[in-house]
Amino acid sequence: MPIEGMWTMTEDGEFELAPEYAERLLGARLAAADGWRKALVAYLEPICPYTAVQLESEMYRRVRERDSSPAEFVDELVLEALGGDLMPR
C-alpha cells in the first residue's frame, strides 16, 4: 500500500522525501548493506586465511576509518583478504 505524499516542500522551496518514505528507504538500504556484508564474508571466508569474525571486524574498522568509494572499499578488502594482507594474523 503506497504512502500518500512522497515528497514535501520545505520553507525554502526545496523538495524533500517525506519522513515515512525516508524511513522505508533507510530500512531498504540497511537490509541491502546487511545482505551484501553477509554475502561478501561468506564468499571470502573459505578462500582466504581469515575467519568470518576477522573479516567483519576489519570491514567495520575500515568503514569507520576510511573515506573511500564503495567500489574502492570492496576492491581493497577482497584483494587484501585473498592475498593474506588484510591484517596481522
C-alpha atoms as a PDB file:
ATOM      1  CA  MET A   1       0.000   0.000   0.000  1.00  0.00           C
ATOM      2  CA  PRO A   2       1.658   3.260  -1.085  1.00  0.00           C
ATOM      3  CA  ILE A   3       2.071   6.141   1.289  1.00  0.00           C
ATOM      4  CA  GLU A   4       0.463   9.376   0.160  1.00  0.00           C
ATOM      5  CA  GLY A   5       2.646  12.440  -0.347  1.00  0.00           C
ATOM      6  CA  MET A   6       6.090  11.027  -1.085  1.00  0.00           C
ATOM      7  CA  TRP A   7       7.612  14.499  -1.375  1.00  0.00           C
ATOM      8  CA  THR A   8       7.142  17.560   0.785  1.00  0.00           C
ATOM      9  CA  MET A   9       8.361  21.080   0.213  1.00  0.00           C
ATOM     10  CA  THR A  10      10.461  22.930   2.773  1.00  0.00           C
ATOM     11  CA  GLU A  11      10.010  26.593   3.638  1.00  0.00           C
ATOM     12  CA  ASP A  12      12.912  27.300   1.241  1.00  0.00           C
ATOM     13  CA  GLY A  13      11.039  25.697  -1.648  1.00  0.00           C
ATOM     14  CA  GLU A  14      13.226  22.599  -1.704  1.00  0.00           C
ATOM     15  CA  PHE A  15      11.688  19.172  -2.139  1.00  0.00           C
ATOM     16  CA  GLU A  16      12.500  16.529   0.445  1.00  0.00           C
ATOM     17  CA  LEU A  17      11.405  12.970   0.963  1.00  0.00           C
ATOM     18  CA  ALA A  18       8.521  12.641   3.412  1.00  0.00           C
ATOM     19  CA  PRO A  19       9.557  11.054   6.728  1.00  0.00           C
ATOM     20  CA  GLU A  20       7.605   7.845   6.078  1.00  0.00           C
ATOM     21  CA  TYR A  21       9.431   7.280   2.797  1.00  0.00           C
ATOM     22  CA  ALA A  22      12.790   8.328   4.228  1.00  0.00           C
ATOM     23  CA  GLU A  23      12.333   5.734   6.981  1.00  0.00           C
ATOM     24  CA  ARG A  24      11.475   2.996   4.493  1.00  0.00           C
ATOM     25  CA  LEU A  25      14.349   3.999   2.218  1.00  0.00           C
ATOM     26  CA  LEU A  26      16.755   3.786   5.149  1.00  0.00           C
ATOM     27  CA  GLY A  27      15.373   0.368   6.062  1.00  0.00           C
ATOM     28  CA  ALA A  28      15.895  -0.848   2.492  1.00  0.00           C
ATOM     29  CA  ARG A  29      19.451   0.465   2.438  1.00  0.00           C
ATOM     30  CA  LEU A  30      20.274  -1.175   5.757  1.00  0.00           C
ATOM     31  CA  ALA A  31      18.801  -4.508   4.626  1.00  0.00           C
ATOM     32  CA  ALA A  32      20.776  -4.339   1.374  1.00  0.00           C
ATOM     33  CA  ALA A  33      24.009  -3.478   3.193  1.00  0.00           C
ATOM     34  CA  ASP A  34      23.493  -6.332   5.658  1.00  0.00           C
ATOM     35  CA  GLY A  35      22.869  -8.781   2.820  1.00  0.00           C
ATOM     36  CA  TRP A  36      25.938  -7.535   0.973  1.00  0.00           C
ATOM     37  CA  ARG A  37      28.104  -7.871   4.090  1.00  0.00           C
ATOM     38  CA  LYS A  38      26.931 -11.416   4.774  1.00  0.00           C
ATOM     39  CA  ALA A  39      27.411 -12.459   1.149  1.00  0.00           C
ATOM     40  CA  LEU A  40      30.913 -10.987   0.937  1.00  0.00           C
ATOM     41  CA  VAL A  41      32.045 -12.641   4.170  1.00  0.00           C
ATOM     42  CA  ALA A  42      30.521 -15.992   3.125  1.00  0.00           C
ATOM     43  CA  TYR A  43      32.340 -15.753  -0.203  1.00  0.00           C
ATOM     44  CA  LEU A  44      35.731 -14.749   1.228  1.00  0.00           C
ATOM     45  CA  GLU A  45      35.958 -16.939   4.327  1.00  0.00           C
ATOM     46  CA  PRO A  46      36.560 -20.296   2.600  1.00  0.00           C
ATOM     47  CA  ILE A  47      39.126 -18.890   0.170  1.00  0.00           C
ATOM     48  CA  CYS A  48      41.215 -16.635   2.410  1.00  0.00           C
ATOM     49  CA  PRO A  49      43.199 -17.125   5.615  1.00  0.00           C
ATOM     50  CA  TYR A  50      40.733 -15.146   7.796  1.00  0.00           C
ATOM     51  CA  THR A  51      37.683 -16.132   9.830  1.00  0.00           C
ATOM     52  CA  ALA A  52      34.269 -14.553   9.346  1.00  0.00           C
ATOM     53  CA  VAL A  53      34.736 -12.663  12.619  1.00  0.00           C
ATOM     54  CA  GLN A  54      38.085 -11.267  11.476  1.00  0.00           C
ATOM     55  CA  LEU A  55      36.683 -10.221   8.091  1.00  0.00           C
ATOM     56  CA  GLU A  56      33.683  -8.477   9.621  1.00  0.00           C
ATOM     57  CA  SER A  57      35.838  -6.778  12.233  1.00  0.00           C
ATOM     58  CA  GLU A  58      38.152  -5.442   9.542  1.00  0.00           C
ATOM     59  CA  MET A  59      35.207  -4.300   7.429  1.00  0.00           C
ATOM     60  CA  TYR A  60      33.758  -2.302  10.335  1.00  0.00           C
ATOM     61  CA  ARG A  61      37.148  -0.808  11.172  1.00  0.00           C
ATOM     62  CA  ARG A  62      37.640   0.351   7.595  1.00  0.00           C
ATOM     63  CA  VAL A  63      34.167   1.836   7.370  1.00  0.00           C
ATOM     64  CA  ARG A  64      34.861   3.910  10.470  1.00  0.00           C
ATOM     65  CA  GLU A  65      38.368   5.000   9.476  1.00  0.00           C
ATOM     66  CA  ARG A  66      38.320   5.431   5.699  1.00  0.00           C
ATOM     67  CA  ASP A  67      36.638   7.755   3.317  1.00  0.00           C
ATOM     68  CA  SER A  68      36.656   5.817   0.051  1.00  0.00           C
ATOM     69  CA  SER A  69      34.053   4.937  -2.520  1.00  0.00           C
ATOM     70  CA  PRO A  70      32.177   1.643  -2.077  1.00  0.00           C
ATOM     71  CA  ALA A  71      33.906   0.206  -5.156  1.00  0.00           C
ATOM     72  CA  GLU A  72      37.373   1.087  -3.822  1.00  0.00           C
ATOM     73  CA  PHE A  73      36.451  -0.264  -0.409  1.00  0.00           C
ATOM     74  CA  VAL A  74      35.345  -3.626  -1.815  1.00  0.00           C
ATOM     75  CA  ASP A  75      38.301  -3.946  -4.182  1.00  0.00           C
ATOM     76  CA  GLU A  76      40.820  -3.272  -1.406  1.00  0.00           C
ATOM     77  CA  LEU A  77      39.129  -5.560   1.093  1.00  0.00           C
ATOM     78  CA  VAL A  78      38.775  -8.504  -1.292  1.00  0.00           C
ATOM     79  CA  LEU A  79      42.281  -8.285  -2.761  1.00  0.00           C
ATOM     80  CA  GLU A  80      43.944  -7.864   0.627  1.00  0.00           C
ATOM     81  CA  ALA A  81      41.921 -10.744   2.109  1.00  0.00           C
ATOM     82  CA  LEU A  82      42.768 -13.049  -0.767  1.00  0.00           C
ATOM     83  CA  GLY A  83      46.436 -12.079  -0.602  1.00  0.00           C
ATOM     84  CA  GLY A  84      46.616 -12.584   3.163  1.00  0.00           C
ATOM     85  CA  ASP A  85      47.484  -8.925   3.693  1.00  0.00           C
ATOM     86  CA  LEU A  86      44.259  -7.782   5.376  1.00  0.00           C
ATOM     87  CA  MET A  87      45.568  -7.665   8.927  1.00  0.00           C
ATOM     88  CA  PRO A  88      48.110  -9.340  11.176  1.00  0.00           C
ATOM     89  CA  ARG A  89      47.188 -12.961  11.869  1.00  0.00           C
END
